Amino acid sequence: PSEDLRQKHHAVYLENLSFAAQQAAKVGLTVLIEPINTRDIPGFFL
């Protein structure tokens, strides 16, 4: 929503990705993240 919130969102992002990777590893899956342009999705985090 705002660049002022990036640090807070970033911490949540890392925590959630760590959880997802741990769960996926149990069944041999890979988790993907994707940088997306802000013309197609304005305000996208990555």
PDB file of all heavy atoms in Angstrom:
ATOM      1  N   PRO A   1       0.801  -1.230   0.000  1.00  0.00           N
ATOM      2  CA  PRO A   1       0.000   0.000   0.000  1.00  0.00           C
ATOM      3  C   PRO A   1       0.828   1.273   0.000  1.00  0.00           C
ATOM      4  O   PRO A   1       0.430   2.286  -0.559  1.00  0.00           O
ATOM      5  CB  PRO A   1      -0.825  -0.113   1.289  1.00  0.00           C
ATOM      6  CG  PRO A   1      -0.766  -1.546   1.682  1.00  0.00           C
ATOM      7  CD  PRO A   1       0.548  -2.063   1.187  1.00  0.00           C
ATOM      8  N   SER A   2       2.004   1.214   0.637  1.00  0.00           N
ATOM      9  CA  SER A   2       2.863   2.392   0.759  1.00  0.00           C
ATOM     10  C   SER A   2       4.297   1.941   0.983  1.00  0.00           C
ATOM     11  O   SER A   2       4.540   0.954   1.690  1.00  0.00           O
ATOM     12  CB  SER A   2       2.404   3.265   1.930  1.00  0.00           C
ATOM     13  OG  SER A   2       3.382   4.231   2.262  1.00  0.00           O
ATOM     14  N   GLU A   3       5.244   2.667   0.402  1.00  0.00           N
ATOM     15  CA  GLU A   3       6.654   2.335   0.609  1.00  0.00           C
ATOM     16  C   GLU A   3       7.037   2.426   2.081  1.00  0.00           C
ATOM     17  O   GLU A   3       7.972   1.768   2.524  1.00  0.00           O
ATOM     18  CB  GLU A   3       7.550   3.249  -0.231  1.00  0.00           C
ATOM     19  CG  GLU A   3       7.678   2.842  -1.674  1.00  0.00           C
ATOM     20  CD  GLU A   3       8.365   1.491  -1.842  1.00  0.00           C
ATOM     21  OE1 GLU A   3       9.251   1.159  -1.031  1.00  0.00           O
ATOM     22  OE2 GLU A   3       7.996   0.750  -2.776  1.00  0.00           O
ATOM     23  N   ASP A   4       6.307   3.232   2.844  1.00  0.00           N
ATOM     24  CA  ASP A   4       6.595   3.354   4.272  1.00  0.00           C
ATOM     25  C   ASP A   4       6.373   2.034   5.006  1.00  0.00           C
ATOM     26  O   ASP A   4       6.905   1.836   6.106  1.00  0.00           O
ATOM     27  CB  ASP A   4       5.701   4.431   4.901  1.00  0.00           C
ATOM     28  CG  ASP A   4       6.004   5.827   4.379  1.00  0.00           C
ATOM     29  OD1 ASP A   4       7.116   6.028   3.860  1.00  0.00           O
ATOM     30  OD2 ASP A   4       5.125   6.705   4.484  1.00  0.00           O
ATOM     31  N   LEU A   5       5.586   1.141   4.400  1.00  0.00           N
ATOM     32  CA  LEU A   5       5.268  -0.131   5.036  1.00  0.00           C
ATOM     33  C   LEU A   5       6.136  -1.287   4.539  1.00  0.00           C
ATOM     34  O   LEU A   5       5.932  -2.425   4.937  1.00  0.00           O
ATOM     35  CB  LEU A   5       3.790  -0.475   4.803  1.00  0.00           C
ATOM     36  CG  LEU A   5       2.767   0.506   5.375  1.00  0.00           C
ATOM     37  CD1 LEU A   5       1.359   0.135   4.923  1.00  0.00           C
ATOM     38  CD2 LEU A   5       2.852   0.546   6.898  1.00  0.00           C
ATOM     39  N   ARG A   6       7.091  -0.982   3.658  1.00  0.00           N
ATOM     40  CA  ARG A   6       7.851  -2.057   3.033  1.00  0.00           C
ATOM     41  C   ARG A   6       8.571  -2.944   4.044  1.00  0.00           C
ATOM     42  O   ARG A   6       8.570  -4.173   3.921  1.00  0.00           O
ATOM     43  CB  ARG A   6       8.858  -1.498   2.017  1.00  0.00           C
ATOM     44  CG  ARG A   6       9.679  -2.598   1.329  1.00  0.00           C
ATOM     45  CD  ARG A   6      10.487  -2.082   0.154  1.00  0.00           C
ATOM     46  NE  ARG A   6       9.650  -1.732  -0.980  1.00  0.00           N
ATOM     47  CZ  ARG A   6       9.180  -2.601  -1.877  1.00  0.00           C
ATOM     48  NH1 ARG A   6       9.451  -3.890  -1.751  1.00  0.00           N
ATOM     49  NH2 ARG A   6       8.438  -2.192  -2.874  1.00  0.00           N
ATOM     50  N   GLN A   7       9.201  -2.360   5.036  1.00  0.00           N
ATOM     51  CA  GLN A   7       9.965  -3.164   5.996  1.00  0.00           C
ATOM     52  C   GLN A   7       9.059  -4.149   6.726  1.00  0.00           C
ATOM     53  O   GLN A   7       9.424  -5.325   6.905  1.00  0.00           O
ATOM     54  CB  GLN A   7      10.678  -2.254   6.998  1.00  0.00           C
ATOM     55  CG  GLN A   7      11.609  -2.997   7.948  1.00  0.00           C
ATOM     56  CD  GLN A   7      12.426  -2.058   8.819  1.00  0.00           C
ATOM     57  OE1 GLN A   7      12.395  -0.843   8.644  1.00  0.00           O
ATOM     58  NE2 GLN A   7      13.164  -2.616   9.754  1.00  0.00           N
ATOM     59  N   LYS A   8       7.884  -3.690   7.132  1.00  0.00           N
ATOM     60  CA  LYS A   8       6.946  -4.562   7.837  1.00  0.00           C
ATOM     61  C   LYS A   8       6.461  -5.681   6.918  1.00  0.00           C
ATOM     62  O   LYS A   8       6.410  -6.851   7.319  1.00  0.00           O
ATOM     63  CB  LYS A   8       5.765  -3.741   8.354  1.00  0.00           C
ATOM     64  CG  LYS A   8       4.771  -4.534   9.174  1.00  0.00           C
ATOM     65  CD  LYS A   8       3.683  -3.639   9.729  1.00  0.00           C
ATOM     66  CE  LYS A   8       2.710  -4.424  10.615  1.00  0.00           C
ATOM     67  NZ  LYS A   8       1.643  -3.543  11.172  1.00  0.00           N
ATOM     68  N   HIS A   9       6.114  -5.353   5.674  1.00  0.00           N
ATOM     69  CA  HIS A   9       5.659  -6.361   4.717  1.00  0.00           C
ATOM     70  C   HIS A   9       6.784  -7.341   4.386  1.00  0.00           C
ATOM     71  O   HIS A   9       6.527  -8.536   4.210  1.00  0.00           O
ATOM     72  CB  HIS A   9       5.152  -5.677   3.444  1.00  0.00           C
ATOM     73  CG  HIS A   9       3.762  -5.154   3.548  1.00  0.00           C
ATOM     74  ND1 HIS A   9       2.714  -5.617   2.790  1.00  0.00           N
ATOM     75  CD2 HIS A   9       3.224  -4.196   4.353  1.00  0.00           C
ATOM     76  CE1 HIS A   9       1.610  -4.973   3.101  1.00  0.00           C
ATOM     77  NE2 HIS A   9       1.896  -4.100   4.042  1.00  0.00           N
ATOM     78  N   HIS A  10       7.994  -6.817   4.311  1.00  0.00           N
ATOM     79  CA  HIS A  10       9.131  -7.668   3.976  1.00  0.00           C
ATOM     80  C   HIS A  10       9.343  -8.739   5.054  1.00  0.00           C
ATOM     81  O   HIS A  10       9.614  -9.910   4.734  1.00  0.00           O
ATOM     82  CB  HIS A  10      10.385  -6.817   3.818  1.00  0.00           C
ATOM     83  CG  HIS A  10      11.559  -7.561   3.280  1.00  0.00           C
ATOM     84  ND1 HIS A  10      11.674  -7.938   1.965  1.00  0.00           N
ATOM     85  CD2 HIS A  10      12.694  -8.011   3.888  1.00  0.00           C
ATOM     86  CE1 HIS A  10      12.809  -8.577   1.777  1.00  0.00           C
ATOM     87  NE2 HIS A  10      13.452  -8.640   2.931  1.00  0.00           N
ATOM     88  N   ALA A  11       9.216  -8.346   6.300  1.00  0.00           N
ATOM     89  CA  ALA A  11       9.396  -9.307   7.391  1.00  0.00           C
ATOM     90  C   ALA A  11       8.341 -10.410   7.328  1.00  0.00           C
ATOM     91  O   ALA A  11       8.654 -11.593   7.526  1.00  0.00           O
ATOM     92  CB  ALA A  11       9.322  -8.577   8.732  1.00  0.00           C
ATOM     93  N   VAL A  12       7.102 -10.034   7.033  1.00  0.00           N
ATOM     94  CA  VAL A  12       6.037 -11.030   6.901  1.00  0.00           C
ATOM     95  C   VAL A  12       6.307 -11.937   5.706  1.00  0.00           C
ATOM     96  O   VAL A  12       6.107 -13.158   5.778  1.00  0.00           O
ATOM     97  CB  VAL A  12       4.671 -10.325   6.758  1.00  0.00           C
ATOM     98  CG1 VAL A  12       3.565 -11.334   6.412  1.00  0.00           C
ATOM     99  CG2 VAL A  12       4.319  -9.579   8.034  1.00  0.00           C
ATOM    100  N   TYR A  13       6.761 -11.350   4.625  1.00  0.00           N
ATOM    101  CA  TYR A  13       7.066 -12.107   3.401  1.00  0.00           C
ATOM    102  C   TYR A  13       8.113 -13.183   3.676  1.00  0.00           C
ATOM    103  O   TYR A  13       7.934 -14.352   3.303  1.00  0.00           O
ATOM    104  CB  TYR A  13       7.567 -11.118   2.351  1.00  0.00           C
ATOM    105  CG  TYR A  13       7.671 -11.634   0.935  1.00  0.00           C
ATOM    106  CD1 TYR A  13       6.670 -12.408   0.362  1.00  0.00           C
ATOM    107  CD2 TYR A  13       8.772 -11.284   0.139  1.00  0.00           C
ATOM    108  CE1 TYR A  13       6.761 -12.842  -0.947  1.00  0.00           C
ATOM    109  CE2 TYR A  13       8.860 -11.696  -1.178  1.00  0.00           C
ATOM    110  CZ  TYR A  13       7.857 -12.472  -1.714  1.00  0.00           C
ATOM    111  OH  TYR A  13       7.952 -12.895  -3.025  1.00  0.00           O
ATOM    112  N   LEU A  14       9.189 -12.808   4.343  1.00  0.00           N
ATOM    113  CA  LEU A  14      10.247 -13.777   4.648  1.00  0.00           C
ATOM    114  C   LEU A  14       9.736 -14.886   5.547  1.00  0.00           C
ATOM    115  O   LEU A  14      10.052 -16.071   5.342  1.00  0.00           O
ATOM    116  CB  LEU A  14      11.429 -13.068   5.311  1.00  0.00           C
ATOM    117  CG  LEU A  14      12.169 -12.012   4.499  1.00  0.00           C
ATOM    118  CD1 LEU A  14      13.359 -11.481   5.289  1.00  0.00           C
ATOM    119  CD2 LEU A  14      12.630 -12.555   3.155  1.00  0.00           C
ATOM    120  N   GLU A  15       8.928 -14.537   6.522  1.00  0.00           N
ATOM    121  CA  GLU A  15       8.392 -15.540   7.440  1.00  0.00           C
ATOM    122  C   GLU A  15       7.480 -16.523   6.695  1.00  0.00           C
ATOM    123  O   GLU A  15       7.574 -17.739   6.878  1.00  0.00           O
ATOM    124  CB  GLU A  15       7.613 -14.851   8.558  1.00  0.00           C
ATOM    125  CG  GLU A  15       7.005 -15.808   9.573  1.00  0.00           C
ATOM    126  CD  GLU A  15       6.196 -15.085  10.638  1.00  0.00           C
ATOM    127  OE1 GLU A  15       6.308 -13.850  10.753  1.00  0.00           O
ATOM    128  OE2 GLU A  15       5.436 -15.769  11.352  1.00  0.00           O
ATOM    129  N   ASN A  16       6.613 -16.001   5.852  1.00  0.00           N
ATOM    130  CA  ASN A  16       5.696 -16.866   5.120  1.00  0.00           C
ATOM    131  C   ASN A  16       6.424 -17.739   4.104  1.00  0.00           C
ATOM    132  O   ASN A  16       6.087 -18.921   3.925  1.00  0.00           O
ATOM    133  CB  ASN A  16       4.633 -16.022   4.414  1.00  0.00           C
ATOM    134  CG  ASN A  16       3.507 -15.614   5.342  1.00  0.00           C
ATOM    135  OD1 ASN A  16       3.224 -16.284   6.328  1.00  0.00           O
ATOM    136  ND2 ASN A  16       2.852 -14.501   5.021  1.00  0.00           N
ATOM    137  N   LEU A  17       7.417 -17.180   3.433  1.00  0.00           N
ATOM    138  CA  LEU A  17       8.167 -17.972   2.462  1.00  0.00           C
ATOM    139  C   LEU A  17       8.966 -19.068   3.146  1.00  0.00           C
ATOM    140  O   LEU A  17       9.088 -20.184   2.628  1.00  0.00           O
ATOM    141  CB  LEU A  17       9.086 -17.069   1.645  1.00  0.00           C
ATOM    142  CG  LEU A  17       8.416 -16.126   0.659  1.00  0.00           C
ATOM    143  CD1 LEU A  17       9.450 -15.254  -0.040  1.00  0.00           C
ATOM    144  CD2 LEU A  17       7.585 -16.893  -0.373  1.00  0.00           C
ATOM    145  N   SER A  18       9.503 -18.777   4.298  1.00  0.00           N
ATOM    146  CA  SER A  18      10.236 -19.793   5.048  1.00  0.00           C
ATOM    147  C   SER A  18       9.305 -20.942   5.426  1.00  0.00           C
ATOM    148  O   SER A  18       9.655 -22.122   5.281  1.00  0.00           O
ATOM    149  CB  SER A  18      10.854 -19.170   6.302  1.00  0.00           C
ATOM    150  OG  SER A  18      11.568 -20.137   7.038  1.00  0.00           O
ATOM    151  N   PHE A  19       8.111 -20.595   5.899  1.00  0.00           N
ATOM    152  CA  PHE A  19       7.124 -21.628   6.225  1.00  0.00           C
ATOM    153  C   PHE A  19       6.773 -22.452   4.994  1.00  0.00           C
ATOM    154  O   PHE A  19       6.755 -23.688   5.041  1.00  0.00           O
ATOM    155  CB  PHE A  19       5.862 -20.976   6.792  1.00  0.00           C
ATOM    156  CG  PHE A  19       4.701 -21.925   6.895  1.00  0.00           C
ATOM    157  CD1 PHE A  19       4.571 -22.779   7.981  1.00  0.00           C
ATOM    158  CD2 PHE A  19       3.735 -21.969   5.892  1.00  0.00           C
ATOM    159  CE1 PHE A  19       3.507 -23.669   8.068  1.00  0.00           C
ATOM    160  CE2 PHE A  19       2.668 -22.861   5.971  1.00  0.00           C
ATOM    161  CZ  PHE A  19       2.547 -23.713   7.065  1.00  0.00           C
ATOM    162  N   ALA A  20       6.471 -21.769   3.870  1.00  0.00           N
ATOM    163  CA  ALA A  20       6.075 -22.468   2.648  1.00  0.00           C
ATOM    164  C   ALA A  20       7.186 -23.389   2.164  1.00  0.00           C
ATOM    165  O   ALA A  20       6.931 -24.540   1.760  1.00  0.00           O
ATOM    166  CB  ALA A  20       5.702 -21.456   1.563  1.00  0.00           C
ATOM    167  N   ALA A  21       8.421 -22.903   2.191  1.00  0.00           N
ATOM    168  CA  ALA A  21       9.544 -23.725   1.732  1.00  0.00           C
ATOM    169  C   ALA A  21       9.719 -24.955   2.610  1.00  0.00           C
ATOM    170  O   ALA A  21       9.994 -26.060   2.118  1.00  0.00           O
ATOM    171  CB  ALA A  21      10.823 -22.892   1.704  1.00  0.00           C
ATOM    172  N   GLN A  22       9.550 -24.791   3.920  1.00  0.00           N
ATOM    173  CA  GLN A  22       9.681 -25.935   4.827  1.00  0.00           C
ATOM    174  C   GLN A  22       8.606 -26.978   4.550  1.00  0.00           C
ATOM    175  O   GLN A  22       8.894 -28.179   4.509  1.00  0.00           O
ATOM    176  CB  GLN A  22       9.581 -25.451   6.272  1.00  0.00           C
ATOM    177  CG  GLN A  22      10.783 -24.647   6.747  1.00  0.00           C
ATOM    178  CD  GLN A  22      10.557 -24.031   8.118  1.00  0.00           C
ATOM    179  OE1 GLN A  22       9.616 -24.382   8.828  1.00  0.00           O
ATOM    180  NE2 GLN A  22      11.416 -23.095   8.499  1.00  0.00           N
ATOM    181  N   GLN A  23       7.372 -26.533   4.363  1.00  0.00           N
ATOM    182  CA  GLN A  23       6.283 -27.470   4.093  1.00  0.00           C
ATOM    183  C   GLN A  23       6.461 -28.147   2.736  1.00  0.00           C
ATOM    184  O   GLN A  23       6.230 -29.357   2.591  1.00  0.00           O
ATOM    185  CB  GLN A  23       4.933 -26.745   4.153  1.00  0.00           C
ATOM    186  CG  GLN A  23       4.605 -26.144   5.510  1.00  0.00           C
ATOM    187  CD  GLN A  23       4.662 -27.166   6.632  1.00  0.00           C
ATOM    188  OE1 GLN A  23       4.002 -28.205   6.562  1.00  0.00           O
ATOM    189  NE2 GLN A  23       5.437 -26.880   7.659  1.00  0.00           N
ATOM    190  N   ALA A  24       6.862 -27.375   1.744  1.00  0.00           N
ATOM    191  CA  ALA A  24       7.052 -27.928   0.398  1.00  0.00           C
ATOM    192  C   ALA A  24       8.201 -28.928   0.369  1.00  0.00           C
ATOM    193  O   ALA A  24       8.147 -29.928  -0.361  1.00  0.00           O
ATOM    194  CB  ALA A  24       7.305 -26.792  -0.598  1.00  0.00           C
ATOM    195  N   ALA A  25       9.248 -28.663   1.147  1.00  0.00           N
ATOM    196  CA  ALA A  25      10.407 -29.559   1.158  1.00  0.00           C
ATOM    197  C   ALA A  25      10.038 -30.950   1.652  1.00  0.00           C
ATOM    198  O   ALA A  25      10.644 -31.948   1.233  1.00  0.00           O
ATOM    199  CB  ALA A  25      11.512 -28.961   2.025  1.00  0.00           C
ATOM    200  N   LYS A  26       9.050 -31.041   2.505  1.00  0.00           N
ATOM    201  CA  LYS A  26       8.634 -32.332   3.045  1.00  0.00           C
ATOM    202  C   LYS A  26       8.106 -33.262   1.952  1.00  0.00           C
ATOM    203  O   LYS A  26       8.137 -34.485   2.117  1.00  0.00           O
ATOM    204  CB  LYS A  26       7.563 -32.138   4.115  1.00  0.00           C
ATOM    205  CG  LYS A  26       8.038 -31.398   5.352  1.00  0.00           C
ATOM    206  CD  LYS A  26       6.887 -31.165   6.325  1.00  0.00           C
ATOM    207  CE  LYS A  26       7.342 -30.366   7.539  1.00  0.00           C
ATOM    208  NZ  LYS A  26       6.206 -30.105   8.467  1.00  0.00           N
ATOM    209  N   VAL A  27       7.607 -32.671   0.854  1.00  0.00           N
ATOM    210  CA  VAL A  27       7.036 -33.473  -0.233  1.00  0.00           C
ATOM    211  C   VAL A  27       7.779 -33.248  -1.556  1.00  0.00           C
ATOM    212  O   VAL A  27       7.281 -33.581  -2.631  1.00  0.00           O
ATOM    213  CB  VAL A  27       5.530 -33.172  -0.401  1.00  0.00           C
ATOM    214  CG1 VAL A  27       4.748 -33.737   0.767  1.00  0.00           C
ATOM    215  CG2 VAL A  27       5.265 -31.681  -0.530  1.00  0.00           C
ATOM    216  N   GLY A  28       8.986 -32.677  -1.470  1.00  0.00           N
ATOM    217  CA  GLY A  28       9.838 -32.552  -2.643  1.00  0.00           C
ATOM    218  C   GLY A  28       9.424 -31.490  -3.635  1.00  0.00           C
ATOM    219  O   GLY A  28       9.737 -31.604  -4.824  1.00  0.00           O
ATOM    220  N   LEU A  29       8.748 -30.434  -3.178  1.00  0.00           N
ATOM    221  CA  LEU A  29       8.294 -29.370  -4.076  1.00  0.00           C
ATOM    222  C   LEU A  29       9.160 -28.117  -3.931  1.00  0.00           C
ATOM    223  O   LEU A  29       9.778 -27.883  -2.895  1.00  0.00           O
ATOM    224  CB  LEU A  29       6.833 -29.006  -3.803  1.00  0.00           C
ATOM    225  CG  LEU A  29       5.788 -29.767  -4.630  1.00  0.00           C
ATOM    226  CD1 LEU A  29       5.789 -31.243  -4.256  1.00  0.00           C
ATOM    227  CD2 LEU A  29       4.394 -29.170  -4.428  1.00  0.00           C
ATOM    228  N   THR A  30       9.147 -27.322  -4.994  1.00  0.00           N
ATOM    229  CA  THR A  30       9.847 -26.040  -5.026  1.00  0.00           C
ATOM    230  C   THR A  30       8.838 -24.903  -4.967  1.00  0.00           C
ATOM    231  O   THR A  30       7.804 -24.942  -5.640  1.00  0.00           O
ATOM    232  CB  THR A  30      10.691 -25.914  -6.310  1.00  0.00           C
ATOM    233  OG1 THR A  30      11.716 -26.909  -6.290  1.00  0.00           O
ATOM    234  CG2 THR A  30      11.329 -24.540  -6.426  1.00  0.00           C
ATOM    235  N   VAL A  31       9.142 -23.895  -4.175  1.00  0.00           N
ATOM    236  CA  VAL A  31       8.317 -22.689  -4.074  1.00  0.00           C
ATOM    237  C   VAL A  31       8.926 -21.610  -4.961  1.00  0.00           C
ATOM    238  O   VAL A  31      10.153 -21.411  -4.958  1.00  0.00           O
ATOM    239  CB  VAL A  31       8.244 -22.191  -2.615  1.00  0.00           C
ATOM    240  CG1 VAL A  31       7.418 -20.914  -2.524  1.00  0.00           C
ATOM    241  CG2 VAL A  31       7.673 -23.271  -1.714  1.00  0.00           C
ATOM    242  N   LEU A  32       8.090 -20.928  -5.709  1.00  0.00           N
ATOM    243  CA  LEU A  32       8.547 -19.880  -6.617  1.00  0.00           C
ATOM    244  C   LEU A  32       7.997 -18.524  -6.209  1.00  0.00           C
ATOM    245  O   LEU A  32       6.846 -18.413  -5.771  1.00  0.00           O
ATOM    246  CB  LEU A  32       8.091 -20.182  -8.049  1.00  0.00           C
ATOM    247  CG  LEU A  32       8.573 -21.494  -8.672  1.00  0.00           C
ATOM    248  CD1 LEU A  32       7.881 -21.727 -10.003  1.00  0.00           C
ATOM    249  CD2 LEU A  32      10.081 -21.480  -8.853  1.00  0.00           C
ATOM    250  N   ILE A  33       8.817 -17.503  -6.355  1.00  0.00           N
ATOM    251  CA  ILE A  33       8.374 -16.114  -6.212  1.00  0.00           C
ATOM    252  C   ILE A  33       8.653 -15.408  -7.540  1.00  0.00           C
ATOM    253  O   ILE A  33       9.563 -15.789  -8.271  1.00  0.00           O
ATOM    254  CB  ILE A  33       9.088 -15.398  -5.051  1.00  0.00           C
ATOM    255  CG1 ILE A  33      10.611 -15.372  -5.266  1.00  0.00           C
ATOM    256  CG2 ILE A  33       8.747 -16.071  -3.734  1.00  0.00           C
ATOM    257  CD1 ILE A  33      11.366 -14.550  -4.224  1.00  0.00           C
ATOM    258  N   GLU A  34       7.854 -14.377  -7.839  1.00  0.00           N
ATOM    259  CA  GLU A  34       7.972 -13.755  -9.161  1.00  0.00           C
ATOM    260  C   GLU A  34       7.963 -12.236  -9.081  1.00  0.00           C
ATOM    261  O   GLU A  34       6.993 -11.649  -8.593  1.00  0.00           O
ATOM    262  CB  GLU A  34       6.825 -14.204 -10.063  1.00  0.00           C
ATOM    263  CG  GLU A  34       6.896 -13.608 -11.466  1.00  0.00           C
ATOM    264  CD  GLU A  34       5.710 -13.985 -12.335  1.00  0.00           C
ATOM    265  OE1 GLU A  34       4.660 -14.357 -11.783  1.00  0.00           O
ATOM    266  OE2 GLU A  34       5.828 -13.884 -13.565  1.00  0.00           O
ATOM    267  N   PRO A  35       9.009 -11.580  -9.569  1.00  0.00           N
ATOM    268  CA  PRO A  35       8.953 -10.132  -9.752  1.00  0.00           C
ATOM    269  C   PRO A  35       7.986  -9.800 -10.898  1.00  0.00           C
ATOM    270  O   PRO A  35       8.084 -10.370 -11.988  1.00  0.00           O
ATOM    271  CB  PRO A  35      10.402  -9.765 -10.117  1.00  0.00           C
ATOM    272  CG  PRO A  35      11.232 -10.938  -9.673  1.00  0.00           C
ATOM    273  CD  PRO A  35      10.345 -12.130  -9.855  1.00  0.00           C
ATOM    274  N   ILE A  36       7.053  -8.887 -10.636  1.00  0.00           N
ATOM    275  CA  ILE A  36       6.018  -8.518 -11.602  1.00  0.00           C
ATOM    276  C   ILE A  36       6.036  -7.014 -11.811  1.00  0.00           C
ATOM    277  O   ILE A  36       6.189  -6.242 -10.857  1.00  0.00           O
ATOM    278  CB  ILE A  36       4.632  -8.980 -11.110  1.00  0.00           C
ATOM    279  CG1 ILE A  36       4.595 -10.513 -11.029  1.00  0.00           C
ATOM    280  CG2 ILE A  36       3.513  -8.465 -12.006  1.00  0.00           C
ATOM    281  CD1 ILE A  36       3.296 -11.077 -10.482  1.00  0.00           C
ATOM    282  N   ASN A  37       5.877  -6.595 -13.064  1.00  0.00           N
ATOM    283  CA  ASN A  37       5.945  -5.163 -13.361  1.00  0.00           C
ATOM    284  C   ASN A  37       4.721  -4.433 -12.804  1.00  0.00           C
ATOM    285  O   ASN A  37       3.628  -4.995 -12.691  1.00  0.00           O
ATOM    286  CB  ASN A  37       6.093  -4.941 -14.871  1.00  0.00           C
ATOM    287  CG  ASN A  37       4.780  -5.066 -15.616  1.00  0.00           C
ATOM    288  OD1 ASN A  37       3.957  -4.159 -15.610  1.00  0.00           O
ATOM    289  ND2 ASN A  37       4.581  -6.197 -16.292  1.00  0.00           N
ATOM    290  N   THR A  38       4.919  -3.168 -12.458  1.00  0.00           N
ATOM    291  CA  THR A  38       3.846  -2.386 -11.838  1.00  0.00           C
ATOM    292  C   THR A  38       2.942  -1.710 -12.855  1.00  0.00           C
ATOM    293  O   THR A  38       2.042  -0.961 -12.473  1.00  0.00           O
ATOM    294  CB  THR A  38       4.433  -1.321 -10.893  1.00  0.00           C
ATOM    295  OG1 THR A  38       5.389  -0.525 -11.604  1.00  0.00           O
ATOM    296  CG2 THR A  38       5.113  -1.974  -9.701  1.00  0.00           C
ATOM    297  N   ARG A  39       3.144  -1.965 -14.131  1.00  0.00           N
ATOM    298  CA  ARG A  39       2.178  -1.529 -15.136  1.00  0.00           C
ATOM    299  C   ARG A  39       1.010  -2.509 -15.174  1.00  0.00           C
ATOM    300  O   ARG A  39      -0.144  -2.113 -15.212  1.00  0.00           O
ATOM    301  CB  ARG A  39       2.829  -1.434 -16.515  1.00  0.00           C
ATOM    302  CG  ARG A  39       1.917  -0.834 -17.585  1.00  0.00           C
ATOM    303  CD  ARG A  39       2.638  -0.715 -18.909  1.00  0.00           C
ATOM    304  NE  ARG A  39       2.805  -2.022 -19.549  1.00  0.00           N
ATOM    305  CZ  ARG A  39       3.667  -2.261 -20.535  1.00  0.00           C
ATOM    306  NH1 ARG A  39       4.464  -1.302 -20.957  1.00  0.00           N
ATOM    307  NH2 ARG A  39       3.746  -3.463 -21.076  1.00  0.00           N
ATOM    308  N   ASP A  40       1.319  -3.800 -15.149  1.00  0.00           N
ATOM    309  CA  ASP A  40       0.274  -4.824 -15.114  1.00  0.00           C
ATOM    310  C   ASP A  40      -0.380  -4.908 -13.739  1.00  0.00           C
ATOM    311  O   ASP A  40      -1.596  -5.077 -13.643  1.00  0.00           O
ATOM    312  CB  ASP A  40       0.852  -6.181 -15.497  1.00  0.00           C
ATOM    313  CG  ASP A  40       1.064  -6.340 -16.986  1.00  0.00           C
ATOM    314  OD1 ASP A  40       1.546  -5.387 -17.624  1.00  0.00           O
ATOM    315  OD2 ASP A  40       0.748  -7.402 -17.522  1.00  0.00           O
ATOM    316  N   ILE A  41       0.411  -4.839 -12.691  1.00  0.00           N
ATOM    317  CA  ILE A  41      -0.119  -4.904 -11.328  1.00  0.00           C
ATOM    318  C   ILE A  41       0.467  -3.743 -10.531  1.00  0.00           C
ATOM    319  O   ILE A  41       1.516  -3.881  -9.882  1.00  0.00           O
ATOM    320  CB  ILE A  41       0.193  -6.251 -10.642  1.00  0.00           C
ATOM    321  CG1 ILE A  41      -0.305  -7.430 -11.486  1.00  0.00           C
ATOM    322  CG2 ILE A  41      -0.460  -6.296  -9.262  1.00  0.00           C
ATOM    323  CD1 ILE A  41      -0.080  -8.791 -10.844  1.00  0.00           C
ATOM    324  N   PRO A  42      -0.168  -2.572 -10.577  1.00  0.00           N
ATOM    325  CA  PRO A  42       0.349  -1.431  -9.816  1.00  0.00           C
ATOM    326  C   PRO A  42       0.463  -1.761  -8.333  1.00  0.00           C
ATOM    327  O   PRO A  42      -0.433  -2.368  -7.740  1.00  0.00           O
ATOM    328  CB  PRO A  42      -0.715  -0.348 -10.068  1.00  0.00           C
ATOM    329  CG  PRO A  42      -1.353  -0.722 -11.374  1.00  0.00           C
ATOM    330  CD  PRO A  42      -1.369  -2.226 -11.364  1.00  0.00           C
ATOM    331  N   GLY A  43       1.590  -1.389  -7.755  1.00  0.00           N
ATOM    332  CA  GLY A  43       1.783  -1.584  -6.330  1.00  0.00           C
ATOM    333  C   GLY A  43       2.259  -2.958  -5.931  1.00  0.00           C
ATOM    334  O   GLY A  43       2.366  -3.249  -4.718  1.00  0.00           O
ATOM    335  N   PHE A  44       2.596  -3.823  -6.908  1.00  0.00           N
ATOM    336  CA  PHE A  44       3.033  -5.169  -6.538  1.00  0.00           C
ATOM    337  C   PHE A  44       4.328  -5.090  -5.727  1.00  0.00           C
ATOM    338  O   PHE A  44       5.217  -4.286  -6.017  1.00  0.00           O
ATOM    339  CB  PHE A  44       3.224  -6.038  -7.780  1.00  0.00           C
ATOM    340  CG  PHE A  44       3.292  -7.505  -7.469  1.00  0.00           C
ATOM    341  CD1 PHE A  44       2.148  -8.202  -7.124  1.00  0.00           C
ATOM    342  CD2 PHE A  44       4.497  -8.196  -7.505  1.00  0.00           C
ATOM    343  CE1 PHE A  44       2.191  -9.564  -6.815  1.00  0.00           C
ATOM    344  CE2 PHE A  44       4.561  -9.552  -7.202  1.00  0.00           C
ATOM    345  CZ  PHE A  44       3.400 -10.238  -6.858  1.00  0.00           C
ATOM    346  N   PHE A  45       4.435  -5.952  -4.726  1.00  0.00           N
ATOM    347  CA  PHE A  45       5.526  -5.865  -3.750  1.00  0.00           C
ATOM    348  C   PHE A  45       6.892  -6.130  -4.354  1.00  0.00           C
ATOM    349  O   PHE A  45       7.886  -5.499  -3.978  1.00  0.00           O
ATOM    350  CB  PHE A  45       5.256  -6.857  -2.618  1.00  0.00           C
ATOM    351  CG  PHE A  45       6.314  -6.883  -1.562  1.00  0.00           C
ATOM    352  CD1 PHE A  45       6.367  -5.897  -0.582  1.00  0.00           C
ATOM    353  CD2 PHE A  45       7.273  -7.886  -1.533  1.00  0.00           C
ATOM    354  CE1 PHE A  45       7.348  -5.915   0.394  1.00  0.00           C
ATOM    355  CE2 PHE A  45       8.252  -7.917  -0.559  1.00  0.00           C
ATOM    356  CZ  PHE A  45       8.293  -6.929   0.410  1.00  0.00           C
ATOM    357  N   LEU A  46       6.983  -7.059  -5.297  1.00  0.00           N
ATOM    358  CA  LEU A  46       8.275  -7.537  -5.819  1.00  0.00           C
ATOM    359  C   LEU A  46       8.336  -7.221  -7.315  1.00  0.00           C
ATOM    360  O   LEU A  46       7.493  -7.696  -8.067  1.00  0.00           O
ATOM    361  CB  LEU A  46       8.394  -9.041  -5.584  1.00  0.00           C
ATOM    362  CG  LEU A  46       9.745  -9.712  -5.795  1.00  0.00           C
ATOM    363  CD1 LEU A  46      10.755  -9.240  -4.762  1.00  0.00           C
ATOM    364  CD2 LEU A  46       9.594 -11.232  -5.726  1.00  0.00           C
TER     365      LEU A  46
END
